[in-house]
Amino acid sequence: MEPLYEEYLANHGTIVKPYYWLSFSLDCSNCPYHIRTGEEARVPYTEFYQIFGFPYGPAYSQTKQLTFYELKTSSGSLVQKGHASSCTGNNTHPESMLFEMNGYLDSAIRSNNAIRHIILYSSNSPCNEADHCCVSKMYNFLVMYPDVTLSIYFSQLYHTEPEFRASAWNREALRSLASLWPQVILSPISGGIWHSLLNNFVSGVSGSAVFQPILTGRALADRHNAYEINAITGVRPYFTDVLPQTKENQLMKAQAALDSYPLNNAFPGQSFQVANGQPQPNMSPDLRVPVVFVLVPFRDLPPIHVSQNPHKPRNIVRHLNMPQMLFQETKDLGRPPSGMPVERGEIMEQLASTKEADEKKKKKKGKK
């Protein structure tokens, strides 16, 4: 079959019509070239902030979406980078465009069999609503290419809250996608990944500006995303919780912001530690307080090797063992940690008292 897309050479990469019939549209500022590769994929900082909510945290509608991608070999070498933008005129999501059968990624892998890993950095998690079917297209794509792994990092969950009519369907689709682990990794953008995006996909940002602090509002949103995706899929995500590390007054402000921010209960029983004193409970939240002072560049995860059999039951969710990270493990307040004795002291006392009673009875019988 003929490919759906058309690709044209540009000054610093290529520009792509994801559907060859698209034309310039007043309803969509990006039409018809929704896929851009190479340095053409860079976007202005203001656009990055508005769509991804960095560095202040999400404060935008979900009408416009953007997905950056990297295609890599099994050794981690970069084959291509690019981005896909949503079409507001045709109501099409970026993932739907990228993973179409006979679409751009399908053709890219068929023409270059060295591609073994696809990394997505999306403003929103993929959905499976009837108008888009993003997760279904991803699922079918991965079944078609069982040797290709997919890592998805997102800035905000899309329509998973109960107030959205399609929330149950979207949550089930995310569980189904996560069940393909280790072929699929589904995690929030966090920590040094933000700096990697600034360096590789945002124009006009260079040098020390790439490693700008991640502010409290953004860090809280990332933390909330990690908790929610774990609750939805049962698979613990790769996640870096950036904690205050220096200057007591800044730590106290960050703690007060966390205590009063709506997402402060994202990880039950978990709180930041403040040295030499307690934070003031009545301090007003300042979501622009920097919470990163020692910045470490993001390093790509090693390529994941998967088995040749991609046909896994949809209801299986595999739990991955987390690497050492900066955040404490989520505490289940309703159950004790596995393997830890419960009420051991009381049980021993009961056993001791029982033995004493038995000895007294024996002594009484002996006297008789």
Protein backbone atom coordinates (compact mmCIF):
# COMPACT_ATOMS: atom_id res chain seq x y z
CA MET A 1 0.00 0.00 0.00
CA GLU A 2 1.10 3.58 -0.62
CA PRO A 3 2.15 5.61 2.44
CA LEU A 4 -0.30 8.05 3.93
CA TYR A 5 2.25 10.84 4.31
CA GLU A 6 4.30 13.18 2.15
CA GLU A 7 7.76 14.38 3.24
CA TYR A 8 9.66 17.42 2.01
CA LEU A 9 13.25 18.54 2.58
CA ALA A 10 13.58 21.74 4.64
CA ASN A 11 16.55 23.88 5.75
CA HIS A 12 17.34 21.94 8.93
CA GLY A 13 15.45 18.67 8.52
CA THR A 14 12.21 17.64 6.88
CA ILE A 15 8.56 18.66 7.11
CA VAL A 16 5.87 16.01 6.77
CA LYS A 17 2.21 15.92 5.89
CA PRO A 18 1.00 12.99 8.01
CA TYR A 19 -1.94 12.63 5.60
CA TYR A 20 -1.22 13.53 1.99
CA TRP A 21 -4.64 15.11 1.50
CA LEU A 22 -4.08 17.77 4.20
CA SER A 23 -3.86 21.38 3.02
CA PHE A 24 -3.36 24.77 4.63
CA SER A 25 -6.18 25.44 7.05
CA LEU A 26 -7.31 28.55 8.90
CA ASP A 27 -8.60 26.26 11.68
CA CYS A 28 -5.14 24.85 12.45
CA SER A 29 -1.94 26.88 12.60
CA ASN A 30 0.26 23.81 12.04
CA CYS A 31 -1.48 22.42 8.96
CA PRO A 32 -0.47 20.73 6.82
CA TYR A 33 3.01 19.93 8.20
CA HIS A 34 2.33 18.33 11.57
CA ILE A 35 5.51 16.22 11.67
CA ARG A 36 8.92 17.87 11.61
CA THR A 37 12.31 16.16 11.86
CA GLY A 38 15.85 17.18 12.78
CA GLU A 39 16.37 20.76 13.90
CA GLU A 40 13.05 21.65 12.27
CA ALA A 41 11.47 19.94 15.29
CA ARG A 42 12.52 22.69 17.71
CA VAL A 43 9.75 24.90 19.11
CA PRO A 44 9.93 28.35 20.77
CA TYR A 45 10.24 28.40 24.55
CA THR A 46 6.87 30.13 24.95
CA GLU A 47 5.13 27.34 23.05
CA PHE A 48 6.95 24.71 25.10
CA TYR A 49 5.86 26.41 28.33
CA GLN A 50 2.23 26.76 27.23
CA ILE A 51 1.85 23.15 26.09
CA PHE A 52 4.11 21.26 28.51
CA GLY A 53 3.71 23.53 31.56
CA PHE A 54 7.41 23.94 32.31
CA PRO A 55 8.80 25.26 34.61
CA TYR A 56 5.78 26.49 36.61
CA GLY A 57 3.48 23.51 36.31
CA PRO A 58 0.34 22.83 34.23
CA ALA A 59 -1.82 25.91 33.68
CA TYR A 60 -3.21 25.30 30.25
CA SER A 61 -6.05 23.60 28.41
CA GLN A 62 -5.62 20.28 26.63
CA THR A 63 -6.84 21.50 23.23
CA LYS A 64 -3.34 21.57 21.72
CA GLN A 65 -0.93 18.68 22.08
CA LEU A 66 2.69 18.13 21.13
CA THR A 67 4.86 15.01 21.11
CA PHE A 68 8.64 14.99 20.67
CA TYR A 69 10.21 11.70 19.60
CA GLU A 70 13.59 10.02 19.22
CA LEU A 71 14.34 6.95 17.11
CA LYS A 72 17.38 5.00 18.31
CA THR A 73 19.33 1.86 17.55
CA SER A 74 19.79 -1.00 20.03
CA SER A 75 23.10 0.58 21.10
CA GLY A 76 21.40 3.91 21.85
CA SER A 77 22.63 5.83 18.80
CA LEU A 78 20.21 8.47 17.59
CA VAL A 79 18.77 7.82 14.13
CA GLN A 80 16.27 10.66 14.04
CA LYS A 81 14.55 13.17 16.29
CA GLY A 82 11.34 15.03 15.52
CA HIS A 83 7.97 16.17 16.75
CA ALA A 84 4.31 15.68 15.91
CA SER A 85 1.67 18.29 16.70
CA SER A 86 -2.06 17.81 17.05
CA CYS A 87 -4.40 19.01 14.32
CA THR A 88 -7.11 21.23 15.80
CA GLY A 89 -8.88 21.44 12.43
CA ASN A 90 -9.30 17.66 12.07
CA ASN A 91 -9.21 16.84 15.82
CA THR A 92 -6.27 14.43 15.48
CA HIS A 93 -3.75 13.66 18.23
CA PRO A 94 0.04 13.38 17.60
CA GLU A 95 0.26 9.70 18.58
CA SER A 96 -2.59 8.86 16.21
CA MET A 97 -0.62 10.41 13.33
CA LEU A 98 2.69 8.78 14.22
CA PHE A 99 1.41 5.23 14.70
CA GLU A 100 -0.96 4.98 11.74
CA MET A 101 -0.56 1.84 9.65
CA ASN A 102 1.46 2.91 6.57
CA GLY A 103 2.14 6.14 8.43
CA TYR A 104 5.42 7.87 9.15
CA LEU A 105 6.89 5.62 11.89
CA ASP A 106 5.73 2.49 10.11
CA SER A 107 7.59 3.59 6.99
CA ALA A 108 10.66 4.75 8.95
CA ILE A 109 11.17 1.35 10.59
CA ARG A 110 10.55 -0.57 7.36
CA SER A 111 13.16 1.56 5.60
CA ASN A 112 15.70 1.38 8.48
CA ASN A 113 15.70 -1.92 10.35
CA ALA A 114 18.38 -0.62 12.74
CA ILE A 115 15.70 1.32 14.65
CA ARG A 116 14.99 -0.62 17.84
CA HIS A 117 13.78 1.99 20.31
CA ILE A 118 11.18 4.77 20.09
CA ILE A 119 11.07 7.40 22.85
CA LEU A 120 8.10 9.75 23.09
CA TYR A 121 8.00 12.92 25.19
CA SER A 122 4.35 13.96 25.12
CA SER A 123 2.43 16.85 26.59
CA ASN A 124 -0.37 14.36 27.37
CA SER A 125 -0.63 10.65 28.01
CA PRO A 126 -2.06 8.69 25.06
CA CYS A 127 -5.81 8.16 25.02
CA ASN A 128 -8.06 5.64 23.31
CA GLU A 129 -11.15 7.72 22.65
CA ALA A 130 -13.16 6.92 19.55
CA ASP A 131 -11.98 9.95 17.57
CA HIS A 132 -8.30 9.14 18.10
CA CYS A 133 -7.61 5.50 19.11
CA CYS A 134 -4.01 6.41 19.99
CA VAL A 135 -3.40 3.46 22.33
CA SER A 136 -4.99 0.95 19.94
CA LYS A 137 -2.72 2.15 17.13
CA MET A 138 0.32 1.94 19.42
CA TYR A 139 -0.67 -1.56 20.53
CA ASN A 140 -1.10 -2.81 16.96
CA PHE A 141 2.18 -1.16 15.96
CA LEU A 142 4.08 -2.97 18.72
CA VAL A 143 2.53 -6.30 17.81
CA MET A 144 3.69 -5.70 14.24
CA TYR A 145 7.22 -4.82 15.42
CA PRO A 146 7.95 -7.05 18.44
CA ASP A 147 11.68 -6.16 18.39
CA VAL A 148 10.95 -2.44 18.85
CA THR A 149 10.59 -1.01 22.36
CA LEU A 150 8.60 2.09 23.25
CA SER A 151 9.20 4.52 26.12
CA ILE A 152 6.46 7.11 26.72
CA TYR A 153 7.05 10.11 28.98
CA PHE A 154 4.18 12.53 29.53
CA SER A 155 3.65 15.91 31.16
CA GLN A 156 -0.05 15.50 32.04
CA LEU A 157 -2.59 12.68 32.14
CA TYR A 158 -5.29 13.03 29.49
CA HIS A 159 -8.96 12.55 30.44
CA THR A 160 -8.40 9.98 33.19
CA GLU A 161 -10.36 11.87 35.85
CA PRO A 162 -13.92 10.66 36.65
CA GLU A 163 -15.54 13.85 35.32
CA PHE A 164 -14.61 12.86 31.76
CA ARG A 165 -17.02 10.43 30.10
CA ALA A 166 -14.19 8.46 28.46
CA SER A 167 -12.04 8.25 31.60
CA ALA A 168 -12.75 4.56 32.30
CA TRP A 169 -11.91 3.66 28.70
CA ASN A 170 -8.69 5.68 28.78
CA ARG A 171 -7.59 4.13 32.07
CA GLU A 172 -8.24 0.62 30.76
CA ALA A 173 -6.27 1.45 27.60
CA LEU A 174 -3.31 2.65 29.66
CA ARG A 175 -3.42 -0.58 31.70
CA SER A 176 -3.45 -2.57 28.47
CA LEU A 177 -0.47 -0.64 27.11
CA ALA A 178 1.48 -0.99 30.37
CA SER A 179 0.88 -4.75 30.33
CA LEU A 180 3.32 -4.93 27.39
CA TRP A 181 6.21 -4.23 29.78
CA PRO A 182 9.17 -4.59 29.21
CA GLN A 183 8.44 -3.67 25.61
CA VAL A 184 6.66 -0.53 26.86
CA ILE A 185 7.61 1.94 29.59
CA LEU A 186 4.98 4.52 30.63
CA SER A 187 6.23 7.26 32.97
CA PRO A 188 5.82 10.96 33.76
CA ILE A 189 8.41 13.48 32.61
CA SER A 190 10.51 14.39 35.64
CA GLY A 191 13.92 15.48 36.80
CA GLY A 192 16.64 15.72 34.17
CA ILE A 193 14.30 14.72 31.34
CA TRP A 194 13.04 18.31 31.40
CA HIS A 195 16.57 19.57 30.80
CA SER A 196 17.06 17.08 27.98
CA LEU A 197 13.93 18.43 26.28
CA LEU A 198 15.13 22.01 26.62
CA ASN A 199 18.48 21.06 25.13
CA ASN A 200 17.21 18.96 22.22
CA PHE A 201 13.81 20.36 21.25
CA VAL A 202 13.47 23.99 22.35
CA SER A 203 14.94 26.87 20.33
CA GLY A 204 16.72 29.82 21.88
CA VAL A 205 17.81 27.92 25.01
CA SER A 206 21.48 27.07 25.45
CA GLY A 207 24.28 26.91 27.99
CA SER A 208 23.34 27.23 31.63
CA ALA A 209 19.75 28.15 30.69
CA VAL A 210 19.19 24.50 29.77
CA PHE A 211 19.65 23.48 33.40
CA GLN A 212 17.26 25.96 34.93
CA PRO A 213 15.62 24.97 38.24
CA ILE A 214 12.49 22.84 38.29
CA LEU A 215 10.02 24.85 40.35
CA THR A 216 7.79 23.50 43.09
CA GLY A 217 4.57 23.61 41.06
CA ARG A 218 6.10 21.54 38.27
CA ALA A 219 7.74 19.09 40.70
CA LEU A 220 4.41 18.54 42.49
CA ALA A 221 2.63 17.90 39.20
CA ASP A 222 5.29 15.34 38.21
CA ARG A 223 4.92 13.67 41.60
CA HIS A 224 1.15 13.53 41.20
CA ASN A 225 1.51 12.03 37.70
CA ALA A 226 3.80 9.30 39.04
CA TYR A 227 1.31 8.35 41.74
CA GLU A 228 -1.65 8.38 39.35
CA ILE A 229 -0.05 6.30 36.59
CA ASN A 230 1.03 3.77 39.21
CA ALA A 231 -2.53 3.65 40.58
CA ILE A 232 -3.98 3.20 37.09
CA THR A 233 -1.57 0.60 35.67
CA GLY A 234 -0.09 -1.07 38.75
CA VAL A 235 3.38 -0.57 37.25
CA ARG A 236 5.70 1.72 39.16
CA PRO A 237 7.12 4.32 36.76
CA TYR A 238 10.61 5.66 36.30
CA PHE A 239 10.44 8.90 38.25
CA THR A 240 12.83 11.38 39.86
CA ASP A 241 11.34 13.31 42.78
CA VAL A 242 13.45 16.47 43.04
CA LEU A 243 13.89 17.47 46.66
CA PRO A 244 15.16 20.67 48.30
CA GLN A 245 18.78 20.17 49.30
CA THR A 246 20.22 23.47 50.54
CA LYS A 247 19.37 26.66 52.39
CA GLU A 248 16.97 26.24 55.30
CA ASN A 249 14.68 29.14 54.44
CA GLN A 250 14.17 27.87 50.89
CA LEU A 251 13.48 24.39 52.22
CA MET A 252 10.88 25.74 54.60
CA LYS A 253 9.12 27.61 51.81
CA ALA A 254 9.11 24.50 49.62
CA GLN A 255 7.71 22.40 52.50
CA ALA A 256 4.97 24.94 53.20
CA ALA A 257 4.07 25.00 49.51
CA LEU A 258 3.80 21.21 49.47
CA ASP A 259 1.66 21.14 52.61
CA SER A 260 -0.88 23.60 51.20
CA TYR A 261 -0.83 22.52 47.55
CA PRO A 262 -3.75 20.29 46.41
CA LEU A 263 -1.38 17.54 45.30
CA ASN A 264 0.44 17.29 48.62
CA ASN A 265 -1.18 13.93 49.35
CA ALA A 266 -0.11 12.36 46.07
CA PHE A 267 2.13 9.87 47.89
CA PRO A 268 0.39 8.95 51.17
CA GLY A 269 2.54 9.20 54.26
CA GLN A 270 5.40 10.89 52.43
CA SER A 271 6.80 14.34 53.14
CA PHE A 272 9.96 16.31 52.49
CA GLN A 273 12.45 16.54 55.35
CA VAL A 274 13.46 19.95 56.69
CA ALA A 275 16.70 20.19 58.63
CA ASN A 276 16.99 22.09 61.91
CA GLY A 277 13.38 23.01 62.52
CA GLN A 278 9.82 22.64 61.32
CA PRO A 279 8.24 24.69 58.49
CA GLN A 280 5.73 27.36 59.34
CA PRO A 281 2.24 25.92 58.74
CA ASN A 282 0.62 29.27 57.93
CA MET A 283 3.13 30.30 55.29
CA SER A 284 1.41 30.98 51.93
CA PRO A 285 2.44 28.61 49.11
CA ASP A 286 4.99 29.79 46.58
CA LEU A 287 4.89 27.40 43.65
CA ARG A 288 7.81 29.18 42.00
CA VAL A 289 10.31 28.22 44.70
CA PRO A 290 13.21 26.36 43.05
CA VAL A 291 13.50 22.81 44.30
CA VAL A 292 16.58 21.75 42.34
CA PHE A 293 19.96 23.06 43.33
CA VAL A 294 22.28 20.30 42.15
CA LEU A 295 21.34 19.50 38.58
CA VAL A 296 22.39 16.26 36.92
CA PRO A 297 21.98 15.91 33.13
CA PHE A 298 19.46 13.31 32.07
CA ARG A 299 20.93 10.10 30.75
CA ASP A 300 18.98 7.90 28.39
CA LEU A 301 17.72 4.61 29.75
CA PRO A 302 19.56 1.62 28.27
CA PRO A 303 17.81 -0.11 25.36
CA ILE A 304 15.42 -2.81 26.46
CA HIS A 305 15.61 -6.23 24.86
CA VAL A 306 12.28 -7.99 24.50
CA SER A 307 11.28 -11.49 23.67
CA GLN A 308 10.12 -12.49 20.22
CA ASN A 309 6.58 -13.24 21.38
CA PRO A 310 4.54 -10.03 21.69
CA HIS A 311 1.21 -11.73 22.29
CA LYS A 312 0.62 -11.14 25.99
CA PRO A 313 -2.77 -11.23 27.72
CA ARG A 314 -4.25 -7.75 28.14
CA ASN A 315 -5.03 -8.27 31.81
CA ILE A 316 -1.46 -9.02 32.91
CA VAL A 317 0.41 -6.15 34.54
CA ARG A 318 4.07 -6.73 35.30
CA HIS A 319 5.70 -4.85 38.16
CA LEU A 320 9.21 -3.61 37.55
CA ASN A 321 11.84 -3.35 40.26
CA MET A 322 12.75 0.30 40.63
CA PRO A 323 16.32 1.58 40.44
CA GLN A 324 17.59 3.72 43.30
CA MET A 325 15.79 7.05 43.12
CA LEU A 326 15.38 10.15 45.24
CA PHE A 327 11.83 9.59 46.39
CA GLN A 328 10.69 7.32 49.18
CA GLU A 329 8.50 4.37 48.38
CA THR A 330 4.78 4.91 48.62
CA LYS A 331 3.40 3.66 51.93
CA ASP A 332 0.24 1.62 52.06
CA LEU A 333 -1.35 2.83 55.27
CA GLY A 334 -3.96 0.09 55.26
CA ARG A 335 -1.52 -2.83 55.36
CA PRO A 336 1.80 -3.51 57.10
CA PRO A 337 4.91 -3.96 54.92
CA SER A 338 5.25 -7.50 53.63
CA GLY A 339 7.55 -9.73 55.62
CA MET A 340 7.40 -7.58 58.79
CA PRO A 341 6.02 -9.24 61.97
CA VAL A 342 2.90 -7.64 63.37
CA GLU A 343 2.31 -7.20 67.13
CA ARG A 344 5.26 -9.49 67.81
CA GLY A 345 5.83 -8.25 71.34
CA GLU A 346 2.22 -8.90 72.32
CA ILE A 347 2.31 -12.42 70.90
CA MET A 348 5.50 -13.22 72.81
CA GLU A 349 3.93 -11.92 76.02
CA GLN A 350 0.89 -14.11 75.49
CA LEU A 351 3.09 -17.16 74.91
CA ALA A 352 5.14 -16.36 78.02
CA SER A 353 2.05 -15.93 80.18
CA THR A 354 0.63 -19.22 78.86
CA LYS A 355 3.83 -21.07 79.80
CA GLU A 356 3.79 -19.59 83.32
CA ALA A 357 0.17 -20.67 83.82
CA ASP A 358 1.00 -24.22 82.71
CA GLU A 359 3.94 -24.42 85.14
CA LYS A 360 1.77 -23.23 88.06
CA LYS A 361 -0.85 -25.89 87.28
CA LYS A 362 1.83 -28.57 87.24
CA LYS A 363 3.18 -27.42 90.60
CA LYS A 364 -0.31 -27.48 92.16
CA LYS A 365 -0.92 -30.99 90.87
CA GLY A 366 2.46 -32.06 92.30
CA LYS A 367 1.55 -30.78 95.77
CA LYS A 368 -1.72 -32.67 95.71
